[in-house]
C-alpha atoms as a PDB file:
ATOM      1  CA  MET A   1      50.343  29.377  30.913  1.00  0.00           C
ATOM      2  CA  LYS A   2      48.751  26.253  29.488  1.00  0.00           C
ATOM      3  CA  HIS A   3      44.981  25.894  29.474  1.00  0.00           C
ATOM      4  CA  LYS A   4      43.257  22.550  29.618  1.00  0.00           C
ATOM      5  CA  ALA A   5      40.895  21.699  26.804  1.00  0.00           C
ATOM      6  CA  LYS A   6      37.243  21.968  27.842  1.00  0.00           C
ATOM      7  CA  ASN A   7      36.658  18.257  27.263  1.00  0.00           C
ATOM      8  CA  THR A   8      39.377  17.241  29.755  1.00  0.00           C
ATOM      9  CA  GLU A   9      38.268  19.533  32.589  1.00  0.00           C
ATOM     10  CA  LYS A  10      36.735  18.022  35.708  1.00  0.00           C
ATOM     11  CA  LYS A  11      32.972  17.577  35.508  1.00  0.00           C
ATOM     12  CA  VAL A  12      30.553  17.022  38.372  1.00  0.00           C
ATOM     13  CA  TRP A  13      27.020  15.636  38.540  1.00  0.00           C
ATOM     14  CA  VAL A  14      24.506  18.180  39.792  1.00  0.00           C
ATOM     15  CA  GLU A  15      20.837  18.827  40.337  1.00  0.00           C
ATOM     16  CA  VAL A  16      19.808  22.324  39.285  1.00  0.00           C
ATOM     17  CA  GLU A  17      16.648  24.126  40.350  1.00  0.00           C
ATOM     18  CA  VAL A  18      15.656  26.708  37.749  1.00  0.00           C
ATOM     19  CA  ASN A  19      13.084  29.456  38.269  1.00  0.00           C
ATOM     20  CA  LYS A  20      11.140  29.802  35.008  1.00  0.00           C
ATOM     21  CA  TYR A  21       9.213  32.815  36.387  1.00  0.00           C
ATOM     22  CA  THR A  22       5.838  31.663  35.013  1.00  0.00           C
ATOM     23  CA  ASP A  23       5.656  27.943  35.730  1.00  0.00           C
ATOM     24  CA  GLY A  24       7.527  27.840  39.033  1.00  0.00           C
ATOM     25  CA  ILE A  25      10.626  25.805  39.652  1.00  0.00           C
ATOM     26  CA  THR A  26      11.916  23.137  37.281  1.00  0.00           C
ATOM     27  CA  VAL A  27      14.501  20.589  38.398  1.00  0.00           C
ATOM     28  CA  PHE A  28      17.116  19.179  36.021  1.00  0.00           C
ATOM     29  CA  ARG A  29      20.020  16.836  36.631  1.00  0.00           C
ATOM     30  CA  GLY A  30      23.151  16.473  34.591  1.00  0.00           C
ATOM     31  CA  GLN A  31      26.849  17.059  34.418  1.00  0.00           C
ATOM     32  CA  MET A  32      28.597  20.433  34.378  1.00  0.00           C
ATOM     33  CA  LEU A  33      32.140  21.711  34.573  1.00  0.00           C
ATOM     34  CA  LYS A  34      33.388  21.968  38.144  1.00  0.00           C
ATOM     35  CA  ALA A  35      34.898  25.357  37.263  1.00  0.00           C
ATOM     36  CA  ASP A  36      31.432  26.620  36.205  1.00  0.00           C
ATOM     37  CA  LEU A  37      29.902  25.385  39.456  1.00  0.00           C
ATOM     38  CA  GLU A  38      32.583  27.125  41.497  1.00  0.00           C
ATOM     39  CA  ALA A  39      32.238  30.353  39.489  1.00  0.00           C
ATOM     40  CA  TRP A  40      28.424  30.281  39.908  1.00  0.00           C
ATOM     41  CA  SER A  41      28.793  29.769  43.660  1.00  0.00           C
ATOM     42  CA  ARG A  42      31.054  32.844  43.861  1.00  0.00           C
ATOM     43  CA  GLY A  43      28.532  34.928  41.917  1.00  0.00           C
ATOM     44  CA  GLU A  44      30.817  35.335  38.911  1.00  0.00           C
ATOM     45  CA  LEU A  45      28.339  33.830  36.413  1.00  0.00           C
ATOM     46  CA  VAL A  46      25.496  36.317  36.236  1.00  0.00           C
ATOM     47  CA  GLU A  47      24.900  37.329  32.632  1.00  0.00           C
ATOM     48  CA  CYS A  48      25.707  34.064  30.917  1.00  0.00           C
ATOM     49  CA  ALA A  49      24.548  30.467  30.563  1.00  0.00           C
ATOM     50  CA  VAL A  50      25.706  27.265  32.220  1.00  0.00           C
ATOM     51  CA  LYS A  51      26.029  24.143  30.088  1.00  0.00           C
ATOM     52  CA  LEU A  52      24.363  21.068  31.594  1.00  0.00           C
ATOM     53  CA  GLU A  53      25.368  17.854  29.814  1.00  0.00           C
ATOM     54  CA  LYS A  54      23.554  14.499  29.867  1.00  0.00           C
ATOM     55  CA  THR A  55      20.413  16.286  31.055  1.00  0.00           C
ATOM     56  CA  TYR A  56      17.666  14.268  32.687  1.00  0.00           C
ATOM     57  CA  TRP A  57      14.769  14.813  35.086  1.00  0.00           C
ATOM     58  CA  PHE A  58      12.128  12.894  36.967  1.00  0.00           C
ATOM     59  CA  LEU A  59       8.483  13.008  35.942  1.00  0.00           C
ATOM     60  CA  GLU A  60       6.362  11.169  38.496  1.00  0.00           C
ATOM     61  CA  ASP A  61       7.789   7.627  38.458  1.00  0.00           C
ATOM     62  CA  ASN A  62       9.653   8.010  35.151  1.00  0.00           C
ATOM     63  CA  ILE A  63      13.127   9.194  34.247  1.00  0.00           C
ATOM     64  CA  CYS A  64      13.213  11.475  31.205  1.00  0.00           C
ATOM     65  CA  VAL A  65      16.583  11.629  29.465  1.00  0.00           C
ATOM     66  CA  LEU A  66      17.088  14.453  26.980  1.00  0.00           C
ATOM     67  CA  GLY A  67      17.942  12.906  23.611  1.00  0.00           C
ATOM     68  CA  LYS A  68      16.290   9.546  24.279  1.00  0.00           C
ATOM     69  CA  GLY A  69      12.723   8.374  24.046  1.00  0.00           C
ATOM     70  CA  ASP A  70      10.273   8.771  21.193  1.00  0.00           C
ATOM     71  CA  ASP A  71      11.188  10.035  17.725  1.00  0.00           C
ATOM     72  CA  ASN A  72      10.882  13.752  18.542  1.00  0.00           C
ATOM     73  CA  ALA A  73      13.015  13.551  21.698  1.00  0.00           C
ATOM     74  CA  ARG A  74      15.850  11.813  19.851  1.00  0.00           C
ATOM     75  CA  GLN A  75      16.621  15.030  17.973  1.00  0.00           C
ATOM     76  CA  TYR A  76      18.104  16.592  21.113  1.00  0.00           C
ATOM     77  CA  THR A  77      21.774  16.214  22.002  1.00  0.00           C
ATOM     78  CA  GLY A  78      21.361  15.889  25.760  1.00  0.00           C
ATOM     79  CA  GLU A  79      22.963  19.276  26.386  1.00  0.00           C
ATOM     80  CA  THR A  80      21.026  22.113  27.990  1.00  0.00           C
ATOM     81  CA  TYR A  81      22.073  25.736  28.464  1.00  0.00           C
ATOM     82  CA  LEU A  82      20.586  27.401  31.542  1.00  0.00           C
ATOM     83  CA  ARG A  83      20.702  31.141  32.109  1.00  0.00           C
ATOM     84  CA  ALA A  84      22.794  31.655  35.222  1.00  0.00           C
ATOM     85  CA  ASP A  85      20.390  34.261  36.612  1.00  0.00           C
ATOM     86  CA  THR A  86      17.523  31.724  36.610  1.00  0.00           C
ATOM     87  CA  ILE A  87      19.378  29.138  38.712  1.00  0.00           C
ATOM     88  CA  MET A  88      18.040  29.042  42.268  1.00  0.00           C
ATOM     89  CA  LEU A  89      20.033  26.132  43.724  1.00  0.00           C
ATOM     90  CA  ILE A  90      22.631  23.641  42.610  1.00  0.00           C
ATOM     91  CA  PHE A  91      23.031  20.377  44.509  1.00  0.00           C
ATOM     92  CA  ALA A  92      26.243  18.402  43.986  1.00  0.00           C
ATOM     93  CA  LEU A  93      25.493  14.718  43.405  1.00  0.00           C
ATOM     94  CA  LYS A  94      27.579  11.586  43.710  1.00  0.00           C
ATOM     95  CA  ASP A  95      29.814  10.562  40.818  1.00  0.00           C
ATOM     96  CA  ASP A  96      28.229   8.396  38.114  1.00  0.00           C
ATOM     97  CA  SER A  97      24.740   9.741  38.763  1.00  0.00           C
ATOM     98  CA  PHE A  98      23.460   9.151  35.240  1.00  0.00           C
ATOM     99  CA  PRO A  99      20.548   6.698  35.334  1.00  0.00           C
ATOM    100  CA  THR A 100      19.898   3.891  32.905  1.00  0.00           C
ATOM    101  CA  HIS A 101      16.411   2.875  31.838  1.00  0.00           C
ATOM    102  CA  ALA A 102      17.154  -0.752  32.594  1.00  0.00           C
ATOM    103  CA  LEU A 103      18.329  -0.108  36.131  1.00  0.00           C
ATOM    104  CA  PRO A 104      17.987   3.482  37.399  1.00  0.00           C
ATOM    105  CA  ASN A 105      20.637   4.475  39.915  1.00  0.00           C
ATOM    106  CA  ILE A 106      18.664   5.653  42.928  1.00  0.00           C
ATOM    107  CA  ASP A 107      21.642   5.929  45.313  1.00  0.00           C
ATOM    108  CA  ASN A 108      21.849   9.671  44.699  1.00  0.00           C
ATOM    109  CA  ILE A 109      18.123  10.424  44.988  1.00  0.00           C
ATOM    110  CA  PHE A 110      17.245  12.118  48.239  1.00  0.00           C
ATOM    111  CA  PRO A 111      13.671  12.906  49.325  1.00  0.00           C
ATOM    112  CA  PHE A 112      13.447  16.683  49.592  1.00  0.00           C
ATOM    113  CA  PRO A 113      10.420  18.276  51.272  1.00  0.00           C
ATOM    114  CA  GLY A 114       7.720  19.187  48.779  1.00  0.00           C
ATOM    115  CA  ARG A 115       8.907  16.755  46.118  1.00  0.00           C
ATOM    116  CA  SER A 116       6.971  13.678  47.160  1.00  0.00           C
ATOM    117  CA  LYS A 117       3.499  12.746  46.011  1.00  0.00           C
ATOM    118  CA  GLN A 118       0.752  13.621  48.460  1.00  0.00           C
END
């Protein structure tokens, strides 16, 4: 049986809510393998990590992209590994959900309760 190379497998854009146990929930967005998402949803990924590529998040009115920004942030690759047992929720996003600083794509941003400024 032939196996596809990891770099040619289908990837999906997701939003991941991670429970950090001490600081509450942190929300990241990025791209992950569709096979990893399906395995996580079946409960097969318990004692491992999920790779989130092109990681970004929202901080108030700003978009923070891992690997871009000031000198210190540029050292990162944009890839994040999240322990599967810390993931609370994964939301599937629309394709091409990576924002640009010049023109952020807000088509995939949905107002969830508790995430808006008071």
